[in-house]
Amino acid sequence: MLYKGIPKRTVNFCMRDFNDIVNLSLSGSVKEGEYINKFEDVFKSYIGSKEAVAVSSGRFALELILEGLGLRRGDKVVLSSFNFKGVPLSLINAGFIPVFVDADEQTFQMDINKIEEKIDGNTKAIIATHLFGQPCSLKPIENLAKKHNLHIVEDCAHALGAFYGNGHVGVFGKAGFFSLTASKTINTSFGGVVVTNDTILAAKIRTRVSRNGFPDDGYVIKKRLMTYIYSLLTDRTFY
């Protein structure tokens, strides 16, 4: 039975929000400029990373990270079988091979004891997913990555603000990525952020992002309006 005393979210609208989005989309400088620079600076300061790069989505962030790390088509990437479908689909679309590890029955996180059996000579990376905002056991994953010379990429889509030990998630692997879509802690309708302490990797990602176009103004405004509707329908008044 649904208990309405626990809403999915409480909607907080800023009066300037929609006006700012319209003006920014019409300015032609959504991908770069003072707004993006300030956002990236604040984000990396909060997370504690050297670099933060704003991108169009969390899924695209994952592709950018793996490509920037030098992975090629046919390389294998280990990830949890209990996952958002967009993650393995992103891997497949980029030409990588997802290798699934069963989830732990108690934590629903990737079962640490079953990772190594999935690793072979074509495995290049492990995606450590912080499911439902709960950090996974990074230390054992770090040990396995070191043993087999693998990259760790942290999936922090739902984990903005979560800690592992004394640090924010996202800074323990080679890179981490966050999502900024409608159901996330920070909601910009679409978008994501890559965080890393590798300045060379960040530079590669920035170069790739600079070559990509940006959706037209109508798409941006439509997505924001849909976000408002979605948020209202899942507010405590209705949900």
C-alpha atoms as a PDB file:
ATOM      1  CA  MET A   1       0.000   0.000   0.000  1.00  0.00           C
ATOM      2  CA  LEU A   2       1.357   3.419  -0.971  1.00  0.00           C
ATOM      3  CA  TYR A   3       2.004   5.656   2.031  1.00  0.00           C
ATOM      4  CA  LYS A   4       1.449   9.270   0.988  1.00  0.00           C
ATOM      5  CA  GLY A   5       3.240  10.577   4.051  1.00  0.00           C
ATOM      6  CA  ILE A   6       6.497   9.813   2.243  1.00  0.00           C
ATOM      7  CA  PRO A   7       6.513  11.783  -1.025  1.00  0.00           C
ATOM      8  CA  LYS A   8       8.836  10.928  -3.847  1.00  0.00           C
ATOM      9  CA  ARG A   9      10.088  14.507  -3.748  1.00  0.00           C
ATOM     10  CA  THR A  10       9.222  18.013  -2.674  1.00  0.00           C
ATOM     11  CA  VAL A  11       9.234  20.437  -5.589  1.00  0.00           C
ATOM     12  CA  ASN A  12      11.051  23.722  -5.135  1.00  0.00           C
ATOM     13  CA  PHE A  13      10.667  26.101  -8.056  1.00  0.00           C
ATOM     14  CA  CYS A  14      12.864  29.139  -8.446  1.00  0.00           C
ATOM     15  CA  MET A  15      10.928  32.023  -9.996  1.00  0.00           C
ATOM     16  CA  ARG A  16      13.865  32.856 -12.272  1.00  0.00           C
ATOM     17  CA  ASP A  17      14.434  29.277 -13.368  1.00  0.00           C
ATOM     18  CA  PHE A  18      12.451  29.057 -16.589  1.00  0.00           C
ATOM     19  CA  ASN A  19      13.321  32.604 -17.625  1.00  0.00           C
ATOM     20  CA  ASP A  20      17.023  31.886 -17.177  1.00  0.00           C
ATOM     21  CA  ILE A  21      16.761  28.686 -19.214  1.00  0.00           C
ATOM     22  CA  VAL A  22      15.021  30.448 -22.093  1.00  0.00           C
ATOM     23  CA  ASN A  23      17.562  33.283 -22.107  1.00  0.00           C
ATOM     24  CA  LEU A  24      20.490  30.898 -21.886  1.00  0.00           C
ATOM     25  CA  SER A  25      19.219  28.664 -24.689  1.00  0.00           C
ATOM     26  CA  LEU A  26      18.732  31.688 -26.928  1.00  0.00           C
ATOM     27  CA  SER A  27      22.198  33.026 -26.138  1.00  0.00           C
ATOM     28  CA  GLY A  28      23.914  30.218 -28.037  1.00  0.00           C
ATOM     29  CA  SER A  29      26.417  29.692 -25.219  1.00  0.00           C
ATOM     30  CA  VAL A  30      24.847  26.806 -23.303  1.00  0.00           C
ATOM     31  CA  LYS A  31      27.848  24.512 -23.770  1.00  0.00           C
ATOM     32  CA  GLU A  32      30.364  27.035 -22.510  1.00  0.00           C
ATOM     33  CA  GLY A  33      30.689  30.440 -20.880  1.00  0.00           C
ATOM     34  CA  GLU A  34      30.415  31.813 -17.360  1.00  0.00           C
ATOM     35  CA  TYR A  35      27.428  29.681 -16.300  1.00  0.00           C
ATOM     36  CA  ILE A  36      29.103  26.397 -17.228  1.00  0.00           C
ATOM     37  CA  ASN A  37      32.497  27.440 -15.860  1.00  0.00           C
ATOM     38  CA  LYS A  38      30.991  28.453 -12.535  1.00  0.00           C
ATOM     39  CA  PHE A  39      28.950  25.258 -12.319  1.00  0.00           C
ATOM     40  CA  GLU A  40      31.993  23.077 -13.014  1.00  0.00           C
ATOM     41  CA  ASP A  41      34.105  24.962 -10.481  1.00  0.00           C
ATOM     42  CA  VAL A  42      31.491  24.621  -7.739  1.00  0.00           C
ATOM     43  CA  PHE A  43      30.880  20.960  -8.582  1.00  0.00           C
ATOM     44  CA  LYS A  44      34.536  19.901  -8.451  1.00  0.00           C
ATOM     45  CA  SER A  45      35.067  21.878  -5.263  1.00  0.00           C
ATOM     46  CA  TYR A  46      32.141  20.066  -3.647  1.00  0.00           C
ATOM     47  CA  ILE A  47      33.206  16.600  -4.820  1.00  0.00           C
ATOM     48  CA  GLY A  48      36.889  17.184  -4.160  1.00  0.00           C
ATOM     49  CA  SER A  49      38.138  16.364  -7.662  1.00  0.00           C
ATOM     50  CA  LYS A  50      40.664  18.243  -9.765  1.00  0.00           C
ATOM     51  CA  GLU A  51      38.358  18.362 -12.767  1.00  0.00           C
ATOM     52  CA  ALA A  52      34.643  18.464 -13.522  1.00  0.00           C
ATOM     53  CA  VAL A  53      33.273  18.522 -17.057  1.00  0.00           C
ATOM     54  CA  ALA A  54      29.601  19.209 -17.773  1.00  0.00           C
ATOM     55  CA  VAL A  55      28.185  16.970 -20.520  1.00  0.00           C
ATOM     56  CA  SER A  56      24.803  16.228 -22.086  1.00  0.00           C
ATOM     57  CA  SER A  57      23.912  13.108 -20.039  1.00  0.00           C
ATOM     58  CA  GLY A  58      25.239  10.548 -17.588  1.00  0.00           C
ATOM     59  CA  ARG A  59      25.220   7.876 -20.293  1.00  0.00           C
ATOM     60  CA  PHE A  60      27.249  10.063 -22.636  1.00  0.00           C
ATOM     61  CA  ALA A  61      29.598  10.793 -19.727  1.00  0.00           C
ATOM     62  CA  LEU A  62      30.303   7.070 -19.410  1.00  0.00           C
ATOM     63  CA  GLU A  63      31.083   6.765 -23.122  1.00  0.00           C
ATOM     64  CA  LEU A  64      33.381   9.793 -22.972  1.00  0.00           C
ATOM     65  CA  ILE A  65      35.279   8.379 -20.003  1.00  0.00           C
ATOM     66  CA  LEU A  66      35.855   4.951 -21.558  1.00  0.00           C
ATOM     67  CA  GLU A  67      36.864   6.389 -24.922  1.00  0.00           C
ATOM     68  CA  GLY A  68      39.161   8.867 -23.184  1.00  0.00           C
ATOM     69  CA  LEU A  69      40.800   5.993 -21.312  1.00  0.00           C
ATOM     70  CA  GLY A  70      41.634   4.360 -24.628  1.00  0.00           C
ATOM     71  CA  LEU A  71      39.108   1.529 -24.684  1.00  0.00           C
ATOM     72  CA  ARG A  72      38.371   0.182 -28.153  1.00  0.00           C
ATOM     73  CA  ARG A  73      35.481  -1.643 -29.756  1.00  0.00           C
ATOM     74  CA  GLY A  74      35.339  -5.212 -28.470  1.00  0.00           C
ATOM     75  CA  ASP A  75      36.880  -4.406 -25.078  1.00  0.00           C
ATOM     76  CA  LYS A  76      34.988  -5.803 -22.095  1.00  0.00           C
ATOM     77  CA  VAL A  77      33.589  -3.782 -19.206  1.00  0.00           C
ATOM     78  CA  VAL A  78      32.440  -5.456 -15.975  1.00  0.00           C
ATOM     79  CA  LEU A  79      29.290  -4.102 -14.320  1.00  0.00           C
ATOM     80  CA  SER A  80      26.488  -5.106 -11.992  1.00  0.00           C
ATOM     81  CA  SER A  81      23.585  -7.079 -13.479  1.00  0.00           C
ATOM     82  CA  PHE A  82      21.186  -5.039 -11.315  1.00  0.00           C
ATOM     83  CA  ASN A  83      21.429  -1.833 -13.259  1.00  0.00           C
ATOM     84  CA  PHE A  84      19.691   0.884 -15.228  1.00  0.00           C
ATOM     85  CA  LYS A  85      19.279  -0.398 -18.782  1.00  0.00           C
ATOM     86  CA  GLY A  86      20.838   2.749 -20.205  1.00  0.00           C
ATOM     87  CA  VAL A  87      24.267   1.797 -18.841  1.00  0.00           C
ATOM     88  CA  PRO A  88      24.760  -1.495 -20.757  1.00  0.00           C
ATOM     89  CA  LEU A  89      23.036   0.016 -23.789  1.00  0.00           C
ATOM     90  CA  SER A  90      25.575   2.854 -23.775  1.00  0.00           C
ATOM     91  CA  LEU A  91      28.377   0.311 -23.687  1.00  0.00           C
ATOM     92  CA  ILE A  92      26.897  -1.658 -26.581  1.00  0.00           C
ATOM     93  CA  ASN A  93      26.274   1.462 -28.655  1.00  0.00           C
ATOM     94  CA  ALA A  94      29.912   2.474 -28.187  1.00  0.00           C
ATOM     95  CA  GLY A  95      31.095  -0.977 -29.272  1.00  0.00           C
ATOM     96  CA  PHE A  96      32.128  -2.257 -25.841  1.00  0.00           C
ATOM     97  CA  ILE A  97      31.044  -5.609 -24.408  1.00  0.00           C
ATOM     98  CA  PRO A  98      29.178  -5.493 -21.071  1.00  0.00           C
ATOM     99  CA  VAL A  99      30.012  -8.370 -18.718  1.00  0.00           C
ATOM    100  CA  PHE A 100      27.447  -8.770 -15.948  1.00  0.00           C
ATOM    101  CA  VAL A 101      28.147  -9.723 -12.340  1.00  0.00           C
ATOM    102  CA  ASP A 102      25.294 -10.964 -10.136  1.00  0.00           C
ATOM    103  CA  ALA A 103      24.055  -8.678  -7.397  1.00  0.00           C
ATOM    104  CA  ASP A 104      24.535  -9.474  -3.732  1.00  0.00           C
ATOM    105  CA  GLU A 105      21.251 -10.698  -2.205  1.00  0.00           C
ATOM    106  CA  GLN A 106      21.685  -8.542   0.884  1.00  0.00           C
ATOM    107  CA  THR A 107      22.934  -5.239  -0.523  1.00  0.00           C
ATOM    108  CA  PHE A 108      21.736  -5.457  -4.165  1.00  0.00           C
ATOM    109  CA  GLN A 109      25.171  -4.112  -5.090  1.00  0.00           C
ATOM    110  CA  MET A 110      27.560  -6.025  -7.351  1.00  0.00           C
ATOM    111  CA  ASP A 111      28.685  -9.185  -5.559  1.00  0.00           C
ATOM    112  CA  ILE A 112      32.363  -8.565  -4.777  1.00  0.00           C
ATOM    113  CA  ASN A 113      33.084 -12.282  -4.592  1.00  0.00           C
ATOM    114  CA  LYS A 114      31.919 -12.890  -8.162  1.00  0.00           C
ATOM    115  CA  ILE A 115      33.818 -10.149  -9.980  1.00  0.00           C
ATOM    116  CA  GLU A 116      37.163 -11.837 -10.533  1.00  0.00           C
ATOM    117  CA  GLU A 117      35.669 -14.859 -12.308  1.00  0.00           C
ATOM    118  CA  LYS A 118      34.310 -12.466 -14.956  1.00  0.00           C
ATOM    119  CA  ILE A 119      37.702 -10.915 -15.743  1.00  0.00           C
ATOM    120  CA  ASP A 120      39.780 -12.085 -18.707  1.00  0.00           C
ATOM    121  CA  GLY A 121      42.435 -10.707 -21.032  1.00  0.00           C
ATOM    122  CA  ASN A 122      39.945  -8.481 -22.873  1.00  0.00           C
ATOM    123  CA  THR A 123      38.562  -6.849 -19.726  1.00  0.00           C
ATOM    124  CA  LYS A 124      39.614  -3.216 -19.467  1.00  0.00           C
ATOM    125  CA  ALA A 125      37.354  -1.588 -16.861  1.00  0.00           C
ATOM    126  CA  ILE A 126      34.980  -2.087 -13.961  1.00  0.00           C
ATOM    127  CA  ILE A 127      31.950   0.116 -13.405  1.00  0.00           C
ATOM    128  CA  ALA A 128      31.387   0.544  -9.671  1.00  0.00           C
ATOM    129  CA  THR A 129      27.727   1.530  -9.313  1.00  0.00           C
ATOM    130  CA  HIS A 130      26.621   3.295  -6.145  1.00  0.00           C
ATOM    131  CA  LEU A 131      23.105   1.932  -6.317  1.00  0.00           C
ATOM    132  CA  PHE A 132      20.267   4.058  -4.906  1.00  0.00           C
ATOM    133  CA  GLY A 133      22.876   6.479  -3.548  1.00  0.00           C
ATOM    134  CA  GLN A 134      24.479   3.799  -1.370  1.00  0.00           C
ATOM    135  CA  PRO A 135      28.247   3.501  -1.969  1.00  0.00           C
ATOM    136  CA  CYS A 136      29.400   0.066  -3.052  1.00  0.00           C
ATOM    137  CA  SER A 137      32.440  -1.640  -1.502  1.00  0.00           C
ATOM    138  CA  LEU A 138      35.172   0.193  -3.356  1.00  0.00           C
ATOM    139  CA  LYS A 139      38.217  -1.181  -1.545  1.00  0.00           C
ATOM    140  CA  PRO A 140      37.868  -4.787  -2.821  1.00  0.00           C
ATOM    141  CA  ILE A 141      37.176  -3.421  -6.309  1.00  0.00           C
ATOM    142  CA  GLU A 142      40.305  -1.257  -6.087  1.00  0.00           C
ATOM    143  CA  ASN A 143      42.344  -4.333  -5.131  1.00  0.00           C
ATOM    144  CA  LEU A 144      40.997  -6.307  -8.096  1.00  0.00           C
ATOM    145  CA  ALA A 145      41.569  -3.409 -10.491  1.00  0.00           C
ATOM    146  CA  LYS A 146      45.166  -3.082  -9.338  1.00  0.00           C
ATOM    147  CA  LYS A 147      45.756  -6.835  -9.623  1.00  0.00           C
ATOM    148  CA  HIS A 148      44.398  -7.032 -13.182  1.00  0.00           C
ATOM    149  CA  ASN A 149      45.419  -3.541 -14.365  1.00  0.00           C
ATOM    150  CA  LEU A 150      41.842  -2.335 -14.885  1.00  0.00           C
ATOM    151  CA  HIS A 151      40.278   1.111 -14.838  1.00  0.00           C
ATOM    152  CA  ILE A 152      37.571   1.846 -12.253  1.00  0.00           C
ATOM    153  CA  VAL A 153      34.730   4.096 -13.367  1.00  0.00           C
ATOM    154  CA  GLU A 154      32.270   5.111 -10.657  1.00  0.00           C
ATOM    155  CA  ASP A 155      28.591   5.326 -11.578  1.00  0.00           C
ATOM    156  CA  CYS A 156      27.384   8.062  -9.236  1.00  0.00           C
ATOM    157  CA  ALA A 157      24.182   8.861 -11.129  1.00  0.00           C
ATOM    158  CA  HIS A 158      22.066   8.634  -7.968  1.00  0.00           C
ATOM    159  CA  ALA A 159      24.843   9.252  -5.444  1.00  0.00           C
ATOM    160  CA  LEU A 160      25.581  12.965  -5.433  1.00  0.00           C
ATOM    161  CA  GLY A 161      26.542  13.786  -1.843  1.00  0.00           C
ATOM    162  CA  ALA A 162      27.300  10.198  -0.808  1.00  0.00           C
ATOM    163  CA  PHE A 163      30.572   9.409   0.964  1.00  0.00           C
ATOM    164  CA  TYR A 164      32.859   6.393   0.977  1.00  0.00           C
ATOM    165  CA  GLY A 165      35.068   6.700   4.014  1.00  0.00           C
ATOM    166  CA  ASN A 166      36.155  10.330   4.191  1.00  0.00           C
ATOM    167  CA  GLY A 167      35.655  11.183   0.538  1.00  0.00           C
ATOM    168  CA  HIS A 168      32.801  11.854  -1.848  1.00  0.00           C
ATOM    169  CA  VAL A 169      32.073   9.060  -4.275  1.00  0.00           C
ATOM    170  CA  GLY A 170      33.402   9.788  -7.733  1.00  0.00           C
ATOM    171  CA  VAL A 171      37.041  10.419  -6.789  1.00  0.00           C
ATOM    172  CA  PHE A 172      38.183   6.865  -6.020  1.00  0.00           C
ATOM    173  CA  GLY A 173      38.356   5.502  -9.556  1.00  0.00           C
ATOM    174  CA  LYS A 174      39.913   6.847 -12.714  1.00  0.00           C
ATOM    175  CA  ALA A 175      36.777   8.923 -13.147  1.00  0.00           C
ATOM    176  CA  GLY A 176      33.190   9.152 -11.975  1.00  0.00           C
ATOM    177  CA  PHE A 177      30.006  10.371 -13.598  1.00  0.00           C
ATOM    178  CA  PHE A 178      26.815  11.955 -12.312  1.00  0.00           C
ATOM    179  CA  SER A 179      23.405  12.420 -13.919  1.00  0.00           C
ATOM    180  CA  LEU A 180      21.337  15.606 -13.733  1.00  0.00           C
ATOM    181  CA  THR A 181      18.027  14.403 -15.152  1.00  0.00           C
ATOM    182  CA  ALA A 182      14.561  14.799 -13.661  1.00  0.00           C
ATOM    183  CA  SER A 183      14.809  12.171 -10.909  1.00  0.00           C
ATOM    184  CA  LYS A 184      18.282  13.144  -9.687  1.00  0.00           C
ATOM    185  CA  THR A 185      19.449  15.302  -6.777  1.00  0.00           C
ATOM    186  CA  ILE A 186      20.235  18.211  -9.103  1.00  0.00           C
ATOM    187  CA  ASN A 187      17.653  18.426 -11.860  1.00  0.00           C
ATOM    188  CA  THR A 188      18.578  20.243 -15.064  1.00  0.00           C
ATOM    189  CA  SER A 189      16.158  18.163 -17.202  1.00  0.00           C
ATOM    190  CA  PHE A 190      19.061  16.564 -19.023  1.00  0.00           C
ATOM    191  CA  GLY A 191      22.798  16.601 -18.499  1.00  0.00           C
ATOM    192  CA  GLY A 192      25.605  14.990 -16.582  1.00  0.00           C
ATOM    193  CA  VAL A 193      29.034  15.636 -15.109  1.00  0.00           C
ATOM    194  CA  VAL A 194      32.349  13.810 -15.376  1.00  0.00           C
ATOM    195  CA  VAL A 195      34.708  14.160 -12.407  1.00  0.00           C
ATOM    196  CA  THR A 196      38.335  13.047 -12.425  1.00  0.00           C
ATOM    197  CA  ASN A 197      41.751  13.826 -11.005  1.00  0.00           C
ATOM    198  CA  ASP A 198      43.313  13.058 -14.394  1.00  0.00           C
ATOM    199  CA  THR A 199      43.779  16.393 -16.177  1.00  0.00           C
ATOM    200  CA  ILE A 200      44.748  14.693 -19.450  1.00  0.00           C
ATOM    201  CA  LEU A 201      41.545  12.636 -19.445  1.00  0.00           C
ATOM    202  CA  ALA A 202      39.512  15.757 -18.680  1.00  0.00           C
ATOM    203  CA  ALA A 203      41.152  17.587 -21.598  1.00  0.00           C
ATOM    204  CA  LYS A 204      40.278  14.734 -23.982  1.00  0.00           C
ATOM    205  CA  ILE A 205      36.657  14.818 -22.819  1.00  0.00           C
ATOM    206  CA  ARG A 206      36.432  18.604 -23.209  1.00  0.00           C
ATOM    207  CA  THR A 207      37.763  18.348 -26.754  1.00  0.00           C
ATOM    208  CA  ARG A 208      35.184  15.708 -27.648  1.00  0.00           C
ATOM    209  CA  VAL A 209      32.358  17.717 -26.078  1.00  0.00           C
ATOM    210  CA  SER A 210      33.374  20.849 -27.987  1.00  0.00           C
ATOM    211  CA  ARG A 211      32.838  18.985 -31.257  1.00  0.00           C
ATOM    212  CA  ASN A 212      29.277  17.976 -30.428  1.00  0.00           C
ATOM    213  CA  GLY A 213      26.275  20.081 -31.230  1.00  0.00           C
ATOM    214  CA  PHE A 214      23.585  21.173 -28.785  1.00  0.00           C
ATOM    215  CA  PRO A 215      19.822  20.509 -29.043  1.00  0.00           C
ATOM    216  CA  ASP A 216      17.743  23.294 -30.538  1.00  0.00           C
ATOM    217  CA  ASP A 217      15.947  25.802 -28.334  1.00  0.00           C
ATOM    218  CA  GLY A 218      12.572  24.115 -28.707  1.00  0.00           C
ATOM    219  CA  TYR A 219      13.936  20.803 -27.424  1.00  0.00           C
ATOM    220  CA  VAL A 220      15.529  22.446 -24.383  1.00  0.00           C
ATOM    221  CA  ILE A 221      12.366  24.300 -23.407  1.00  0.00           C
ATOM    222  CA  LYS A 222      10.174  21.231 -24.046  1.00  0.00           C
ATOM    223  CA  LYS A 223      12.367  19.061 -21.813  1.00  0.00           C
ATOM    224  CA  ARG A 224      12.162  21.608 -19.006  1.00  0.00           C
ATOM    225  CA  LEU A 225       8.383  21.847 -19.243  1.00  0.00           C
ATOM    226  CA  MET A 226       8.152  18.035 -19.098  1.00  0.00           C
ATOM    227  CA  THR A 227      10.342  18.099 -16.003  1.00  0.00           C
ATOM    228  CA  TYR A 228       7.984  20.528 -14.279  1.00  0.00           C
ATOM    229  CA  ILE A 229       5.003  18.292 -15.054  1.00  0.00           C
ATOM    230  CA  TYR A 230       6.841  15.167 -13.881  1.00  0.00           C
ATOM    231  CA  SER A 231       7.925  16.879 -10.671  1.00  0.00           C
ATOM    232  CA  LEU A 232       4.438  18.128  -9.882  1.00  0.00           C
ATOM    233  CA  LEU A 233       2.872  14.705 -10.451  1.00  0.00           C
ATOM    234  CA  THR A 234       5.329  13.133  -8.014  1.00  0.00           C
ATOM    235  CA  ASP A 235       5.038  15.873  -5.410  1.00  0.00           C
ATOM    236  CA  ARG A 236       3.379  15.168  -2.046  1.00  0.00           C
ATOM    237  CA  THR A 237       0.119  16.747  -3.269  1.00  0.00           C
ATOM    238  CA  PHE A 238      -0.475  14.025  -5.846  1.00  0.00           C
ATOM    239  CA  TYR A 239       1.929  11.151  -5.137  1.00  0.00           C
END
